[in-house]
Amino acid sequence: MLIKRVWIEPESILGFDPKTDSADVLVEMEDNKLWQAHFVTLAHLQQEMQLSLDVAREHNQSLAPTPFLALETPHVIVEMLTADIIEDVIDNLMALGVFESVFAEFEAEARDTDIVGT
């Protein structure tokens, strides 16, 4: 399986910080299948945990003030969100034969509506 294209879309375009933010990554293979994963930094995960703690404190009668994260989509944790690092990680996952266990296949219905014009 060979990579045809990689799209990296930072979550917050304005003021994006490759040390503290996250990015959605979409990989197109030469068989035209699309794969997706969410890349984050440790600092981003810590910010998200702090946010969950802040929300819990605001609702102290119904939520225990505990920082936590429940990750539903595949996440890859990196030191920095740069194109070089993300592409190297993808190459390493391919070389190790674990790409498909880390990335999720992009659903066909979403593909038709989300990537029009790319």
PDB file of N, CA and C in Angstrom:
ATOM      1  N   MET A   1       0.865  -1.176   0.000  1.00  0.00           N
ATOM      2  CA  MET A   1       0.000   0.000   0.000  1.00  0.00           C
ATOM      3  C   MET A   1       0.907   1.234   0.000  1.00  0.00           C
ATOM      4  N   LEU A   2       0.719   2.079  -0.997  1.00  0.00           N
ATOM      5  CA  LEU A   2       1.524   3.287  -1.110  1.00  0.00           C
ATOM      6  C   LEU A   2       0.667   4.530  -0.887  1.00  0.00           C
ATOM      7  N   ILE A   3       1.275   5.542  -0.303  1.00  0.00           N
ATOM      8  CA  ILE A   3       0.584   6.796  -0.006  1.00  0.00           C
ATOM      9  C   ILE A   3       0.540   7.666  -1.255  1.00  0.00           C
ATOM     10  N   LYS A   4      -0.640   8.178  -1.537  1.00  0.00           N
ATOM     11  CA  LYS A   4      -0.827   9.081  -2.668  1.00  0.00           C
ATOM     12  C   LYS A   4      -0.762  10.534  -2.220  1.00  0.00           C
ATOM     13  N   ARG A   5      -1.496  10.873  -1.139  1.00  0.00           N
ATOM     14  CA  ARG A   5      -1.526  12.249  -0.615  1.00  0.00           C
ATOM     15  C   ARG A   5      -1.768  12.250   0.886  1.00  0.00           C
ATOM     16  N   VAL A   6      -1.314  13.325   1.534  1.00  0.00           N
ATOM     17  CA  VAL A   6      -1.553  13.542   2.964  1.00  0.00           C
ATOM     18  C   VAL A   6      -2.089  14.955   3.142  1.00  0.00           C
ATOM     19  N   TRP A   7      -3.222  15.070   3.845  1.00  0.00           N
ATOM     20  CA  TRP A   7      -3.768  16.387   4.206  1.00  0.00           C
ATOM     21  C   TRP A   7      -3.614  16.567   5.707  1.00  0.00           C
ATOM     22  N   ILE A   8      -3.134  17.738   6.092  1.00  0.00           N
ATOM     23  CA  ILE A   8      -3.000  18.078   7.513  1.00  0.00           C
ATOM     24  C   ILE A   8      -3.809  19.339   7.734  1.00  0.00           C
ATOM     25  N   GLU A   9      -4.822  19.227   8.582  1.00  0.00           N
ATOM     26  CA  GLU A   9      -5.678  20.382   8.833  1.00  0.00           C
ATOM     27  C   GLU A   9      -5.642  20.733  10.313  1.00  0.00           C
ATOM     28  N   PRO A  10      -4.943  21.820  10.655  1.00  0.00           N
ATOM     29  CA  PRO A  10      -4.907  22.250  12.059  1.00  0.00           C
ATOM     30  C   PRO A  10      -6.308  22.578  12.546  1.00  0.00           C
ATOM     31  N   GLU A  11      -6.580  22.247  13.813  1.00  0.00           N
ATOM     32  CA  GLU A  11      -7.910  22.469  14.372  1.00  0.00           C
ATOM     33  C   GLU A  11      -8.234  23.949  14.508  1.00  0.00           C
ATOM     34  N   SER A  12      -7.296  24.719  14.981  1.00  0.00           N
ATOM     35  CA  SER A  12      -7.553  26.153  15.118  1.00  0.00           C
ATOM     36  C   SER A  12      -6.617  26.906  14.171  1.00  0.00           C
ATOM     37  N   ILE A  13      -7.140  27.300  13.037  1.00  0.00           N
ATOM     38  CA  ILE A  13      -6.329  27.961  12.014  1.00  0.00           C
ATOM     39  C   ILE A  13      -5.712  29.254  12.552  1.00  0.00           C
ATOM     40  N   LEU A  14      -6.503  30.051  13.262  1.00  0.00           N
ATOM     41  CA  LEU A  14      -5.989  31.313  13.806  1.00  0.00           C
ATOM     42  C   LEU A  14      -5.143  31.027  15.034  1.00  0.00           C
ATOM     43  N   GLY A  15      -3.923  31.473  14.991  1.00  0.00           N
ATOM     44  CA  GLY A  15      -3.057  31.310  16.151  1.00  0.00           C
ATOM     45  C   GLY A  15      -2.621  29.877  16.394  1.00  0.00           C
ATOM     46  N   PHE A  16      -2.530  29.073  15.353  1.00  0.00           N
ATOM     47  CA  PHE A  16      -2.124  27.674  15.506  1.00  0.00           C
ATOM     48  C   PHE A  16      -0.726  27.594  16.098  1.00  0.00           C
ATOM     49  N   ASP A  17      -0.599  26.779  17.132  1.00  0.00           N
ATOM     50  CA  ASP A  17       0.696  26.562  17.779  1.00  0.00           C
ATOM     51  C   ASP A  17       1.046  25.078  17.667  1.00  0.00           C
ATOM     52  N   PRO A  18       2.081  24.731  16.909  1.00  0.00           N
ATOM     53  CA  PRO A  18       2.415  23.319  16.708  1.00  0.00           C
ATOM     54  C   PRO A  18       2.856  22.590  17.979  1.00  0.00           C
ATOM     55  N   LYS A  19       3.077  23.338  19.065  1.00  0.00           N
ATOM     56  CA  LYS A  19       3.476  22.709  20.330  1.00  0.00           C
ATOM     57  C   LYS A  19       2.288  22.414  21.238  1.00  0.00           C
ATOM     58  N   THR A  20       1.146  23.098  21.025  1.00  0.00           N
ATOM     59  CA  THR A  20       0.044  22.966  21.979  1.00  0.00           C
ATOM     60  C   THR A  20      -1.316  22.682  21.342  1.00  0.00           C
ATOM     61  N   ASP A  21      -1.378  22.482  20.048  1.00  0.00           N
ATOM     62  CA  ASP A  21      -2.670  22.306  19.380  1.00  0.00           C
ATOM     63  C   ASP A  21      -2.856  20.872  18.892  1.00  0.00           C
ATOM     64  N   SER A  22      -3.808  20.707  17.994  1.00  0.00           N
ATOM     65  CA  SER A  22      -4.086  19.397  17.408  1.00  0.00           C
ATOM     66  C   SER A  22      -4.379  19.580  15.926  1.00  0.00           C
ATOM     67  N   ALA A  23      -4.365  18.472  15.193  1.00  0.00           N
ATOM     68  CA  ALA A  23      -4.630  18.537  13.757  1.00  0.00           C
ATOM     69  C   ALA A  23      -5.266  17.230  13.295  1.00  0.00           C
ATOM     70  N   ASP A  24      -6.231  17.349  12.386  1.00  0.00           N
ATOM     71  CA  ASP A  24      -6.795  16.180  11.720  1.00  0.00           C
ATOM     72  C   ASP A  24      -5.897  15.845  10.537  1.00  0.00           C
ATOM     73  N   VAL A  25      -5.623  14.568  10.367  1.00  0.00           N
ATOM     74  CA  VAL A  25      -4.765  14.126   9.272  1.00  0.00           C
ATOM     75  C   VAL A  25      -5.540  13.098   8.452  1.00  0.00           C
ATOM     76  N   LEU A  26      -5.544  13.323   7.155  1.00  0.00           N
ATOM     77  CA  LEU A  26      -6.220  12.437   6.213  1.00  0.00           C
ATOM     78  C   LEU A  26      -5.183  11.933   5.224  1.00  0.00           C
ATOM     79  N   VAL A  27      -5.140  10.624   5.022  1.00  0.00           N
ATOM     80  CA  VAL A  27      -4.174  10.002   4.120  1.00  0.00           C
ATOM     81  C   VAL A  27      -4.937   9.283   3.018  1.00  0.00           C
ATOM     82  N   GLU A  28      -4.588   9.596   1.769  1.00  0.00           N
ATOM     83  CA  GLU A  28      -5.166   8.891   0.627  1.00  0.00           C
ATOM     84  C   GLU A  28      -4.125   7.912   0.101  1.00  0.00           C
ATOM     85  N   MET A  29      -4.537   6.663  -0.042  1.00  0.00           N
ATOM     86  CA  MET A  29      -3.648   5.632  -0.572  1.00  0.00           C
ATOM     87  C   MET A  29      -3.830   5.536  -2.082  1.00  0.00           C
ATOM     88  N   GLU A  30      -2.915   4.840  -2.748  1.00  0.00           N
ATOM     89  CA  GLU A  30      -3.012   4.738  -4.194  1.00  0.00           C
ATOM     90  C   GLU A  30      -4.233   3.944  -4.645  1.00  0.00           C
ATOM     91  N   ASP A  31      -4.848   3.175  -3.735  1.00  0.00           N
ATOM     92  CA  ASP A  31      -6.099   2.473  -4.068  1.00  0.00           C
ATOM     93  C   ASP A  31      -7.315   3.379  -3.859  1.00  0.00           C
ATOM     94  N   ASN A  32      -7.059   4.683  -3.578  1.00  0.00           N
ATOM     95  CA  ASN A  32      -8.067   5.728  -3.363  1.00  0.00           C
ATOM     96  C   ASN A  32      -8.814   5.610  -2.040  1.00  0.00           C
ATOM     97  N   LYS A  33      -8.414   4.699  -1.171  1.00  0.00           N
ATOM     98  CA  LYS A  33      -9.014   4.638   0.161  1.00  0.00           C
ATOM     99  C   LYS A  33      -8.447   5.785   0.990  1.00  0.00           C
ATOM    100  N   LEU A  34      -9.300   6.349   1.841  1.00  0.00           N
ATOM    101  CA  LEU A  34      -8.898   7.436   2.725  1.00  0.00           C
ATOM    102  C   LEU A  34      -8.865   6.953   4.164  1.00  0.00           C
ATOM    103  N   TRP A  35      -7.864   7.410   4.898  1.00  0.00           N
ATOM    104  CA  TRP A  35      -7.674   7.033   6.300  1.00  0.00           C
ATOM    105  C   TRP A  35      -7.517   8.308   7.124  1.00  0.00           C
ATOM    106  N   GLN A  36      -8.043   8.301   8.347  1.00  0.00           N
ATOM    107  CA  GLN A  36      -7.982   9.506   9.175  1.00  0.00           C
ATOM    108  C   GLN A  36      -7.510   9.194  10.590  1.00  0.00           C
ATOM    109  N   ALA A  37      -6.856  10.192  11.166  1.00  0.00           N
ATOM    110  CA  ALA A  37      -6.448  10.143  12.571  1.00  0.00           C
ATOM    111  C   ALA A  37      -6.317  11.583  13.058  1.00  0.00           C
ATOM    112  N   HIS A  38      -6.335  11.726  14.355  1.00  0.00           N
ATOM    113  CA  HIS A  38      -6.204  13.037  14.978  1.00  0.00           C
ATOM    114  C   HIS A  38      -4.842  13.078  15.666  1.00  0.00           C
ATOM    115  N   PHE A  39      -4.016  14.047  15.306  1.00  0.00           N
ATOM    116  CA  PHE A  39      -2.686  14.196  15.898  1.00  0.00           C
ATOM    117  C   PHE A  39      -2.744  15.280  16.965  1.00  0.00           C
ATOM    118  N   VAL A  40      -2.168  15.004  18.127  1.00  0.00           N
ATOM    119  CA  VAL A  40      -2.183  15.950  19.236  1.00  0.00           C
ATOM    120  C   VAL A  40      -0.817  15.971  19.912  1.00  0.00           C
ATOM    121  N   THR A  41      -0.591  17.045  20.657  1.00  0.00           N
ATOM    122  CA  THR A  41       0.608  17.120  21.492  1.00  0.00           C
ATOM    123  C   THR A  41       0.210  16.822  22.936  1.00  0.00           C
ATOM    124  N   LEU A  42       1.190  16.493  23.754  1.00  0.00           N
ATOM    125  CA  LEU A  42       0.906  16.275  25.179  1.00  0.00           C
ATOM    126  C   LEU A  42       0.330  17.536  25.818  1.00  0.00           C
ATOM    127  N   ALA A  43       0.854  18.689  25.421  1.00  0.00           N
ATOM    128  CA  ALA A  43       0.336  19.952  25.971  1.00  0.00           C
ATOM    129  C   ALA A  43      -1.143  20.125  25.628  1.00  0.00           C
ATOM    130  N   HIS A  44      -1.539  19.729  24.436  1.00  0.00           N
ATOM    131  CA  HIS A  44      -2.949  19.828  24.048  1.00  0.00           C
ATOM    132  C   HIS A  44      -3.809  18.915  24.926  1.00  0.00           C
ATOM    133  N   LEU A  45      -3.358  17.694  25.156  1.00  0.00           N
ATOM    134  CA  LEU A  45      -4.108  16.773  26.009  1.00  0.00           C
ATOM    135  C   LEU A  45      -4.235  17.321  27.433  1.00  0.00           C
ATOM    136  N   GLN A  46      -3.170  17.922  27.935  1.00  0.00           N
ATOM    137  CA  GLN A  46      -3.216  18.510  29.271  1.00  0.00           C
ATOM    138  C   GLN A  46      -4.210  19.667  29.326  1.00  0.00           C
ATOM    139  N   GLN A  47      -4.256  20.488  28.266  1.00  0.00           N
ATOM    140  CA  GLN A  47      -5.233  21.591  28.211  1.00  0.00           C
ATOM    141  C   GLN A  47      -6.661  21.047  28.219  1.00  0.00           C
ATOM    142  N   GLU A  48      -6.894  19.986  27.461  1.00  0.00           N
ATOM    143  CA  GLU A  48      -8.226  19.384  27.402  1.00  0.00           C
ATOM    144  C   GLU A  48      -8.630  18.797  28.754  1.00  0.00           C
ATOM    145  N   MET A  49      -7.674  18.192  29.457  1.00  0.00           N
ATOM    146  CA  MET A  49      -7.962  17.658  30.793  1.00  0.00           C
ATOM    147  C   MET A  49      -8.270  18.783  31.769  1.00  0.00           C
ATOM    148  N   GLN A  50      -7.557  19.882  31.675  1.00  0.00           N
ATOM    149  CA  GLN A  50      -7.827  21.035  32.530  1.00  0.00           C
ATOM    150  C   GLN A  50      -9.225  21.586  32.248  1.00  0.00           C
ATOM    151  N   LEU A  51      -9.599  21.615  30.991  1.00  0.00           N
ATOM    152  CA  LEU A  51     -10.935  22.080  30.612  1.00  0.00           C
ATOM    153  C   LEU A  51     -12.014  21.195  31.224  1.00  0.00           C
ATOM    154  N   SER A  52     -11.808  19.880  31.194  1.00  0.00           N
ATOM    155  CA  SER A  52     -12.801  18.982  31.798  1.00  0.00           C
ATOM    156  C   SER A  52     -12.886  19.213  33.309  1.00  0.00           C
ATOM    157  N   LEU A  53     -11.765  19.507  33.942  1.00  0.00           N
ATOM    158  CA  LEU A  53     -11.760  19.815  35.377  1.00  0.00           C
ATOM    159  C   LEU A  53     -12.510  21.119  35.641  1.00  0.00           C
ATOM    160  N   ASP A  54     -12.260  22.133  34.820  1.00  0.00           N
ATOM    161  CA  ASP A  54     -12.949  23.418  34.987  1.00  0.00           C
ATOM    162  C   ASP A  54     -14.466  23.270  34.829  1.00  0.00           C
ATOM    163  N   VAL A  55     -14.878  22.484  33.842  1.00  0.00           N
ATOM    164  CA  VAL A  55     -16.316  22.248  33.636  1.00  0.00           C
ATOM    165  C   VAL A  55     -16.896  21.517  34.841  1.00  0.00           C
ATOM    166  N   ALA A  56     -16.201  20.512  35.334  1.00  0.00           N
ATOM    167  CA  ALA A  56     -16.688  19.756  36.487  1.00  0.00           C
ATOM    168  C   ALA A  56     -16.817  20.654  37.717  1.00  0.00           C
ATOM    169  N   ARG A  57     -15.870  21.557  37.896  1.00  0.00           N
ATOM    170  CA  ARG A  57     -15.935  22.469  39.049  1.00  0.00           C
ATOM    171  C   ARG A  57     -17.133  23.407  38.959  1.00  0.00           C
ATOM    172  N   GLU A  58     -17.502  23.790  37.719  1.00  0.00           N
ATOM    173  CA  GLU A  58     -18.677  24.637  37.538  1.00  0.00           C
ATOM    174  C   GLU A  58     -19.968  23.897  37.863  1.00  0.00           C
ATOM    175  N   HIS A  59     -19.930  22.585  37.751  1.00  0.00           N
ATOM    176  CA  HIS A  59     -21.109  21.753  38.015  1.00  0.00           C
ATOM    177  C   HIS A  59     -20.811  20.819  39.185  1.00  0.00           C
ATOM    178  N   ASN A  60     -20.284  21.368  40.251  1.00  0.00           N
ATOM    179  CA  ASN A  60     -19.778  20.551  41.353  1.00  0.00           C
ATOM    180  C   ASN A  60     -20.838  19.713  42.048  1.00  0.00           C
ATOM    181  N   GLN A  61     -22.071  20.020  41.848  1.00  0.00           N
ATOM    182  CA  GLN A  61     -23.109  19.212  42.483  1.00  0.00           C
ATOM    183  C   GLN A  61     -23.376  17.922  41.702  1.00  0.00           C
ATOM    184  N   SER A  62     -23.102  17.931  40.396  1.00  0.00           N
ATOM    185  CA  SER A  62     -23.407  16.745  39.594  1.00  0.00           C
ATOM    186  C   SER A  62     -22.178  16.069  38.984  1.00  0.00           C
ATOM    187  N   LEU A  63     -21.030  16.746  38.978  1.00  0.00           N
ATOM    188  CA  LEU A  63     -19.816  16.161  38.416  1.00  0.00           C
ATOM    189  C   LEU A  63     -18.680  16.186  39.430  1.00  0.00           C
ATOM    190  N   ALA A  64     -17.963  15.087  39.512  1.00  0.00           N
ATOM    191  CA  ALA A  64     -16.791  15.042  40.391  1.00  0.00           C
ATOM    192  C   ALA A  64     -15.668  15.855  39.742  1.00  0.00           C
ATOM    193  N   PRO A  65     -15.000  16.729  40.507  1.00  0.00           N
ATOM    194  CA  PRO A  65     -13.931  17.557  39.941  1.00  0.00           C
ATOM    195  C   PRO A  65     -12.671  16.728  39.652  1.00  0.00           C
ATOM    196  N   THR A  66     -12.714  16.024  38.527  1.00  0.00           N
ATOM    197  CA  THR A  66     -11.621  15.144  38.134  1.00  0.00           C
ATOM    198  C   THR A  66     -11.210  15.437  36.694  1.00  0.00           C
ATOM    199  N   PRO A  67      -9.940  15.731  36.461  1.00  0.00           N
ATOM    200  CA  PRO A  67      -9.501  15.934  35.074  1.00  0.00           C
ATOM    201  C   PRO A  67      -9.445  14.582  34.351  1.00  0.00           C
ATOM    202  N   PHE A  68     -10.042  14.526  33.148  1.00  0.00           N
ATOM    203  CA  PHE A  68     -10.004  13.285  32.372  1.00  0.00           C
ATOM    204  C   PHE A  68     -10.220  13.584  30.893  1.00  0.00           C
ATOM    205  N   LEU A  69      -9.943  12.591  30.071  1.00  0.00           N
ATOM    206  CA  LEU A  69     -10.223  12.653  28.638  1.00  0.00           C
ATOM    207  C   LEU A  69     -10.787  11.310  28.222  1.00  0.00           C
ATOM    208  N   ALA A  70     -11.812  11.329  27.407  1.00  0.00           N
ATOM    209  CA  ALA A  70     -12.343  10.124  26.787  1.00  0.00           C
ATOM    210  C   ALA A  70     -12.127  10.278  25.288  1.00  0.00           C
ATOM    211  N   LEU A  71     -11.215   9.534  24.746  1.00  0.00           N
ATOM    212  CA  LEU A  71     -10.837   9.669  23.344  1.00  0.00           C
ATOM    213  C   LEU A  71     -11.615   8.669  22.495  1.00  0.00           C
ATOM    214  N   GLU A  72     -12.442   9.188  21.593  1.00  0.00           N
ATOM    215  CA  GLU A  72     -13.273   8.323  20.757  1.00  0.00           C
ATOM    216  C   GLU A  72     -12.632   8.024  19.416  1.00  0.00           C
ATOM    217  N   THR A  73     -11.912   8.972  18.843  1.00  0.00           N
ATOM    218  CA  THR A  73     -11.301   8.779  17.536  1.00  0.00           C
ATOM    219  C   THR A  73      -9.837   8.405  17.713  1.00  0.00           C
ATOM    220  N   PRO A  74      -9.238   7.789  16.694  1.00  0.00           N
ATOM    221  CA  PRO A  74      -7.806   7.463  16.816  1.00  0.00           C
ATOM    222  C   PRO A  74      -6.978   8.734  17.018  1.00  0.00           C
ATOM    223  N   HIS A  75      -6.089   8.693  17.990  1.00  0.00           N
ATOM    224  CA  HIS A  75      -5.202   9.816  18.285  1.00  0.00           C
ATOM    225  C   HIS A  75      -3.749   9.353  18.187  1.00  0.00           C
ATOM    226  N   VAL A  76      -2.927  10.213  17.648  1.00  0.00           N
ATOM    227  CA  VAL A  76      -1.493   9.982  17.610  1.00  0.00           C
ATOM    228  C   VAL A  76      -0.865  11.144  18.371  1.00  0.00           C
ATOM    229  N   ILE A  77      -0.062  10.822  19.358  1.00  0.00           N
ATOM    230  CA  ILE A  77       0.560  11.850  20.195  1.00  0.00           C
ATOM    231  C   ILE A  77       1.974  12.111  19.677  1.00  0.00           C
ATOM    232  N   VAL A  78       2.240  13.376  19.400  1.00  0.00           N
ATOM    233  CA  VAL A  78       3.548  13.784  18.892  1.00  0.00           C
ATOM    234  C   VAL A  78       4.073  14.948  19.718  1.00  0.00           C
ATOM    235  N   GLU A  79       5.376  15.185  19.619  1.00  0.00           N
ATOM    236  CA  GLU A  79       5.982  16.295  20.348  1.00  0.00           C
ATOM    237  C   GLU A  79       5.585  17.638  19.751  1.00  0.00           C
ATOM    238  N   MET A  80       5.549  17.698  18.414  1.00  0.00           N
ATOM    239  CA  MET A  80       5.162  18.934  17.709  1.00  0.00           C
ATOM    240  C   MET A  80       4.379  18.572  16.465  1.00  0.00           C
ATOM    241  N   LEU A  81       3.471  19.465  16.080  1.00  0.00           N
ATOM    242  CA  LEU A  81       2.634  19.257  14.901  1.00  0.00           C
ATOM    243  C   LEU A  81       3.222  19.966  13.687  1.00  0.00           C
ATOM    244  N   THR A  82       4.251  19.359  13.124  1.00  0.00           N
ATOM    245  CA  THR A  82       4.816  19.895  11.896  1.00  0.00           C
ATOM    246  C   THR A  82       4.595  18.855  10.799  1.00  0.00           C
ATOM    247  N   ALA A  83       4.561  19.305   9.555  1.00  0.00           N
ATOM    248  CA  ALA A  83       4.348  18.388   8.432  1.00  0.00           C
ATOM    249  C   ALA A  83       5.419  17.303   8.406  1.00  0.00           C
ATOM    250  N   ASP A  84       6.665  17.675   8.645  1.00  0.00           N
ATOM    251  CA  ASP A  84       7.753  16.690   8.616  1.00  0.00           C
ATOM    252  C   ASP A  84       7.548  15.592   9.655  1.00  0.00           C
ATOM    253  N   ILE A  85       7.201  15.978  10.875  1.00  0.00           N
ATOM    254  CA  ILE A  85       6.994  14.989  11.942  1.00  0.00           C
ATOM    255  C   ILE A  85       5.800  14.103  11.612  1.00  0.00           C
ATOM    256  N   ILE A  86       4.690  14.699  11.202  1.00  0.00           N
ATOM    257  CA  ILE A  86       3.488  13.915  10.895  1.00  0.00           C
ATOM    258  C   ILE A  86       3.764  12.940   9.752  1.00  0.00           C
ATOM    259  N   GLU A  87       4.429  13.390   8.699  1.00  0.00           N
ATOM    260  CA  GLU A  87       4.742  12.509   7.575  1.00  0.00           C
ATOM    261  C   GLU A  87       5.713  11.395   7.984  1.00  0.00           C
ATOM    262  N   ASP A  88       6.677  11.714   8.849  1.00  0.00           N
ATOM    263  CA  ASP A  88       7.594  10.685   9.350  1.00  0.00           C
ATOM    264  C   ASP A  88       6.851   9.638  10.177  1.00  0.00           C
ATOM    265  N   VAL A  89       5.897  10.084  10.998  1.00  0.00           N
ATOM    266  CA  VAL A  89       5.104   9.145  11.801  1.00  0.00           C
ATOM    267  C   VAL A  89       4.308   8.219  10.881  1.00  0.00           C
ATOM    268  N   ILE A  90       3.680   8.787   9.863  1.00  0.00           N
ATOM    269  CA  ILE A  90       2.912   7.969   8.921  1.00  0.00           C
ATOM    270  C   ILE A  90       3.825   6.946   8.252  1.00  0.00           C
ATOM    271  N   ASP A  91       5.000   7.384   7.798  1.00  0.00           N
ATOM    272  CA  ASP A  91       5.959   6.462   7.181  1.00  0.00           C
ATOM    273  C   ASP A  91       6.368   5.355   8.154  1.00  0.00           C
ATOM    274  N   ASN A  92       6.613   5.721   9.413  1.00  0.00           N
ATOM    275  CA  ASN A  92       7.003   4.721  10.413  1.00  0.00           C
ATOM    276  C   ASN A  92       5.886   3.720  10.664  1.00  0.00           C
ATOM    277  N   LEU A  93       4.643   4.210  10.754  1.00  0.00           N
ATOM    278  CA  LEU A  93       3.509   3.308  10.964  1.00  0.00           C
ATOM    279  C   LEU A  93       3.360   2.340   9.795  1.00  0.00           C
ATOM    280  N   MET A  94       3.583   2.835   8.576  1.00  0.00           N
ATOM    281  CA  MET A  94       3.530   1.974   7.396  1.00  0.00           C
ATOM    282  C   MET A  94       4.645   0.925   7.457  1.00  0.00           C
ATOM    283  N   ALA A  95       5.860   1.358   7.774  1.00  0.00           N
ATOM    284  CA  ALA A  95       7.004   0.449   7.821  1.00  0.00           C
ATOM    285  C   ALA A  95       6.831  -0.627   8.896  1.00  0.00           C
ATOM    286  N   LEU A  96       6.208  -0.248  10.011  1.00  0.00           N
ATOM    287  CA  LEU A  96       5.977  -1.203  11.100  1.00  0.00           C
ATOM    288  C   LEU A  96       4.771  -2.097  10.849  1.00  0.00           C
ATOM    289  N   GLY A  97       3.982  -1.776   9.820  1.00  0.00           N
ATOM    290  CA  GLY A  97       2.804  -2.576   9.494  1.00  0.00           C
ATOM    291  C   GLY A  97       1.628  -2.360  10.423  1.00  0.00           C
ATOM    292  N   VAL A  98       1.582  -1.202  11.096  1.00  0.00           N
ATOM    293  CA  VAL A  98       0.498  -0.935  12.046  1.00  0.00           C
ATOM    294  C   VAL A  98      -0.362   0.268  11.654  1.00  0.00           C
ATOM    295  N   PHE A  99      -0.156   0.792  10.440  1.00  0.00           N
ATOM    296  CA  PHE A  99      -0.896   1.977  10.003  1.00  0.00           C
ATOM    297  C   PHE A  99      -2.401   1.794  10.166  1.00  0.00           C
ATOM    298  N   GLU A 100      -2.942   0.673   9.695  1.00  0.00           N
ATOM    299  CA  GLU A 100      -4.384   0.447   9.726  1.00  0.00           C
ATOM    300  C   GLU A 100      -4.932   0.232  11.131  1.00  0.00           C
ATOM    301  N   SER A 101      -4.074  -0.038  12.095  1.00  0.00           N
ATOM    302  CA  SER A 101      -4.559  -0.170  13.470  1.00  0.00           C
ATOM    303  C   SER A 101      -4.542   1.173  14.199  1.00  0.00           C
ATOM    304  N   VAL A 102      -3.872   2.176  13.616  1.00  0.00           N
ATOM    305  CA  VAL A 102      -3.795   3.501  14.227  1.00  0.00           C
ATOM    306  C   VAL A 102      -4.740   4.472  13.528  1.00  0.00           C
ATOM    307  N   PHE A 103      -4.795   4.417  12.207  1.00  0.00           N
ATOM    308  CA  PHE A 103      -5.698   5.257  11.427  1.00  0.00           C
ATOM    309  C   PHE A 103      -7.009   4.519  11.212  1.00  0.00           C
ATOM    310  N   ALA A 104      -8.103   5.252  11.121  1.00  0.00           N
ATOM    311  CA  ALA A 104      -9.413   4.671  10.829  1.00  0.00           C
ATOM    312  C   ALA A 104      -9.767   4.965   9.382  1.00  0.00           C
ATOM    313  N   GLU A 105     -10.398   4.001   8.735  1.00  0.00           N
ATOM    314  CA  GLU A 105     -10.803   4.235   7.352  1.00  0.00           C
ATOM    315  C   GLU A 105     -11.896   5.292   7.319  1.00  0.00           C
ATOM    316  N   PHE A 106     -11.747   6.249   6.425  1.00  0.00           N
ATOM    317  CA  PHE A 106     -12.687   7.355   6.264  1.00  0.00           C
ATOM    318  C   PHE A 106     -13.933   6.812   5.590  1.00  0.00           C
ATOM    319  N   GLU A 107     -15.110   7.062   6.163  1.00  0.00           N
ATOM    320  CA  GLU A 107     -16.362   6.512   5.646  1.00  0.00           C
ATOM    321  C   GLU A 107     -16.727   7.112   4.295  1.00  0.00           C
ATOM    322  N   ALA A 108     -17.278   6.289   3.426  1.00  0.00           N
ATOM    323  CA  ALA A 108     -17.598   6.701   2.055  1.00  0.00           C
ATOM    324  C   ALA A 108     -18.588   7.856   2.008  1.00  0.00           C
ATOM    325  N   GLU A 109     -19.629   7.838   2.860  1.00  0.00           N
ATOM    326  CA  GLU A 109     -20.606   8.924   2.834  1.00  0.00           C
ATOM    327  C   GLU A 109     -19.961  10.250   3.207  1.00  0.00           C
ATOM    328  N   ALA A 110     -19.093  10.244   4.197  1.00  0.00           N
ATOM    329  CA  ALA A 110     -18.413  11.460   4.626  1.00  0.00           C
ATOM    330  C   ALA A 110     -17.457  11.937   3.529  1.00  0.00           C
ATOM    331  N   ARG A 111     -16.826  11.000   2.845  1.00  0.00           N
ATOM    332  CA  ARG A 111     -15.875  11.346   1.795  1.00  0.00           C
ATOM    333  C   ARG A 111     -16.541  12.170   0.711  1.00  0.00           C
ATOM    334  N   ASP A 112     -17.745  11.782   0.288  1.00  0.00           N
ATOM    335  CA  ASP A 112     -18.439  12.465  -0.795  1.00  0.00           C
ATOM    336  C   ASP A 112     -18.769  13.908  -0.454  1.00  0.00           C
ATOM    337  N   THR A 113     -19.050  14.203   0.812  1.00  0.00           N
ATOM    338  CA  THR A 113     -19.455  15.554   1.184  1.00  0.00           C
ATOM    339  C   THR A 113     -18.328  16.388   1.752  1.00  0.00           C
ATOM    340  N   ASP A 114     -17.360  15.767   2.412  1.00  0.00           N
ATOM    341  CA  ASP A 114     -16.330  16.517   3.129  1.00  0.00           C
ATOM    342  C   ASP A 114     -15.134  16.918   2.280  1.00  0.00           C
ATOM    343  N   ILE A 115     -14.843  16.207   1.203  1.00  0.00           N
ATOM    344  CA  ILE A 115     -13.608  16.492   0.482  1.00  0.00           C
ATOM    345  C   ILE A 115     -13.905  16.960  -0.942  1.00  0.00           C
ATOM    346  N   VAL A 116     -15.045  17.512  -1.152  1.00  0.00           N
ATOM    347  CA  VAL A 116     -15.376  18.009  -2.477  1.00  0.00           C
ATOM    348  C   VAL A 116     -14.424  19.144  -2.836  1.00  0.00           C
ATOM    349  N   GLY A 117     -13.837  19.046  -4.024  1.00  0.00           N
ATOM    350  CA  GLY A 117     -12.960  20.113  -4.497  1.00  0.00           C
ATOM    351  C   GLY A 117     -11.526  20.026  -4.032  1.00  0.00           C
ATOM    352  N   THR A 118     -11.125  18.945  -3.377  1.00  0.00           N
ATOM    353  CA  THR A 118      -9.731  18.838  -2.957  1.00  0.00           C
ATOM    354  C   THR A 118      -8.963  17.935  -3.874  1.00  0.00           C
TER     355      THR A 118
END
